[in-house]
């Protein structure tokens, strides 16, 4: 954190060490509660979000993966042409699974052969 005072960094580090772990903390206290625990002792003040149009004073968090079929196909370029050809011969194509959302993309031999490099 460029420009942060040593005291602030020390307090953040101490707060992190005292936490049971991020996942249990998020389950127990939610995102804002986790932030409050991390910022304890640092004069953290929540913003009044109702003034910004959020009547319940919170912004709903949503997960949205940005994977696409095109990005999945581009990931295959990291395999050598020989490896890609082996996928075609052995498996009849290729399958790419997004590790974030679990979306499965299947590619035909023709699609794989369009890749350069």
Protein backbone atom coordinates (compact mmCIF):
# COMPACT_ATOMS: atom_id res chain seq x y z
CA UNK A 1 0.00 0.00 0.00
CA UNK A 2 2.07 2.91 -1.26
CA UNK A 3 2.03 5.92 0.99
CA UNK A 4 0.47 4.11 3.96
CA UNK A 5 1.93 4.87 7.38
CA UNK A 6 3.83 2.10 9.15
CA UNK A 7 1.35 2.23 12.03
CA UNK A 8 -1.57 1.59 9.68
CA UNK A 9 0.22 -1.30 7.98
CA UNK A 10 1.15 -2.73 11.36
CA UNK A 11 -2.45 -2.56 12.54
CA UNK A 12 -3.75 -4.17 9.33
CA UNK A 13 -1.21 -6.97 9.65
CA UNK A 14 -2.13 -7.51 13.30
CA UNK A 15 -5.83 -7.57 12.43
CA UNK A 16 -5.21 -10.10 9.64
CA UNK A 17 -3.22 -12.36 11.96
CA UNK A 18 -6.03 -12.26 14.53
CA UNK A 19 -8.68 -13.32 12.04
CA UNK A 20 -9.73 -16.98 11.82
CA UNK A 21 -9.34 -16.87 8.04
CA UNK A 22 -11.21 -15.01 5.33
CA UNK A 23 -13.72 -17.74 4.41
CA UNK A 24 -14.98 -18.37 7.97
CA UNK A 25 -15.07 -14.63 8.58
CA UNK A 26 -17.12 -14.01 5.45
CA UNK A 27 -19.53 -16.80 6.40
CA UNK A 28 -19.92 -15.46 9.90
CA UNK A 29 -20.02 -11.70 9.31
CA UNK A 30 -20.49 -11.12 5.58
CA UNK A 31 -18.37 -8.88 3.40
CA UNK A 32 -18.94 -5.66 5.31
CA UNK A 33 -18.41 -7.39 8.65
CA UNK A 34 -15.15 -8.82 7.37
CA UNK A 35 -14.05 -5.36 6.28
CA UNK A 36 -14.96 -3.94 9.69
CA UNK A 37 -12.89 -6.67 11.40
CA UNK A 38 -9.93 -5.98 9.14
CA UNK A 39 -10.16 -2.22 9.72
CA UNK A 40 -10.65 -2.45 13.48
CA UNK A 41 -8.74 0.29 15.27
CA UNK A 42 -8.25 2.35 12.11
CA UNK A 43 -11.19 4.75 12.44
CA UNK A 44 -13.12 3.01 9.68
CA UNK A 45 -16.51 4.57 8.99
CA UNK A 46 -19.09 3.05 6.71
CA UNK A 47 -20.45 5.24 3.93
CA UNK A 48 -24.16 6.00 4.07
CA UNK A 49 -25.18 4.19 0.91
CA UNK A 50 -28.83 5.09 1.29
CA UNK A 51 -27.86 8.61 0.17
CA UNK A 52 -26.50 7.03 -3.04
CA UNK A 53 -29.76 5.27 -3.87
CA UNK A 54 -29.36 2.02 -1.93
CA UNK A 55 -32.32 2.12 0.48
CA UNK A 56 -31.09 -0.82 2.59
CA UNK A 57 -27.68 0.88 2.96
CA UNK A 58 -25.87 -1.92 1.17
CA UNK A 59 -24.81 -2.70 -2.37
CA UNK A 60 -25.81 -6.19 -3.44
CA UNK A 61 -22.76 -8.22 -4.43
CA UNK A 62 -23.08 -10.39 -7.51
CA UNK A 63 -20.65 -12.79 -9.06
CA UNK A 64 -20.41 -12.75 -12.83
CA UNK A 65 -17.76 -14.70 -14.62
CA UNK A 66 -16.30 -13.07 -17.69
CA UNK A 67 -15.36 -16.25 -19.47
CA UNK A 68 -16.41 -16.61 -23.10
CA UNK A 69 -16.22 -19.28 -25.74
CA UNK A 70 -13.64 -17.15 -27.58
CA UNK A 71 -11.39 -16.83 -24.52
CA UNK A 72 -11.64 -20.57 -23.90
CA UNK A 73 -10.62 -21.30 -27.48
CA UNK A 74 -7.71 -18.85 -27.22
CA UNK A 75 -6.48 -20.75 -24.14
CA UNK A 76 -5.78 -23.73 -26.40
CA UNK A 77 -3.10 -21.72 -28.23
CA UNK A 78 -0.77 -22.43 -25.28
CA UNK A 79 -0.63 -26.07 -26.37
CA UNK A 80 1.77 -26.93 -29.17
CA UNK A 81 0.29 -27.72 -32.57
CA UNK A 82 1.28 -31.35 -31.95
CA UNK A 83 -0.57 -31.43 -28.62
CA UNK A 84 -3.67 -29.91 -30.20
CA UNK A 85 -3.57 -32.48 -33.00
CA UNK A 86 -3.28 -35.21 -30.38
CA UNK A 87 -6.44 -33.85 -28.70
CA UNK A 88 -8.21 -34.10 -32.03
CA UNK A 89 -7.03 -37.65 -32.75
CA UNK A 90 -7.43 -38.99 -29.22
CA UNK A 91 -10.56 -37.13 -28.04
CA UNK A 92 -12.19 -35.92 -31.24
CA UNK A 93 -11.76 -32.29 -30.16
CA UNK A 94 -11.07 -30.43 -26.94
CA UNK A 95 -12.90 -29.42 -23.82
CA UNK A 96 -12.08 -26.34 -21.74
CA UNK A 97 -13.63 -25.87 -18.30
CA UNK A 98 -13.66 -22.44 -16.67
CA UNK A 99 -12.20 -22.78 -13.18
CA UNK A 100 -14.24 -19.81 -11.92
CA UNK A 101 -17.79 -20.69 -12.93
CA UNK A 102 -17.53 -24.26 -14.22
CA UNK A 103 -18.79 -23.48 -17.72
CA UNK A 104 -17.76 -26.20 -20.17
CA UNK A 105 -16.72 -25.31 -23.71
CA UNK A 106 -16.28 -28.06 -26.32
CA UNK A 107 -14.39 -27.44 -29.53
CA UNK A 108 -14.50 -29.36 -32.77
CA UNK A 109 -11.39 -30.39 -34.70
CA UNK A 110 -12.13 -27.63 -37.21
CA UNK A 111 -12.21 -24.96 -34.52
CA UNK A 112 -8.96 -26.19 -33.00
CA UNK A 113 -7.22 -26.21 -36.35
CA UNK A 114 -8.04 -22.50 -36.85
CA UNK A 115 -5.57 -21.64 -34.06
CA UNK A 116 -2.22 -20.23 -35.10
CA UNK A 117 1.04 -20.94 -33.16
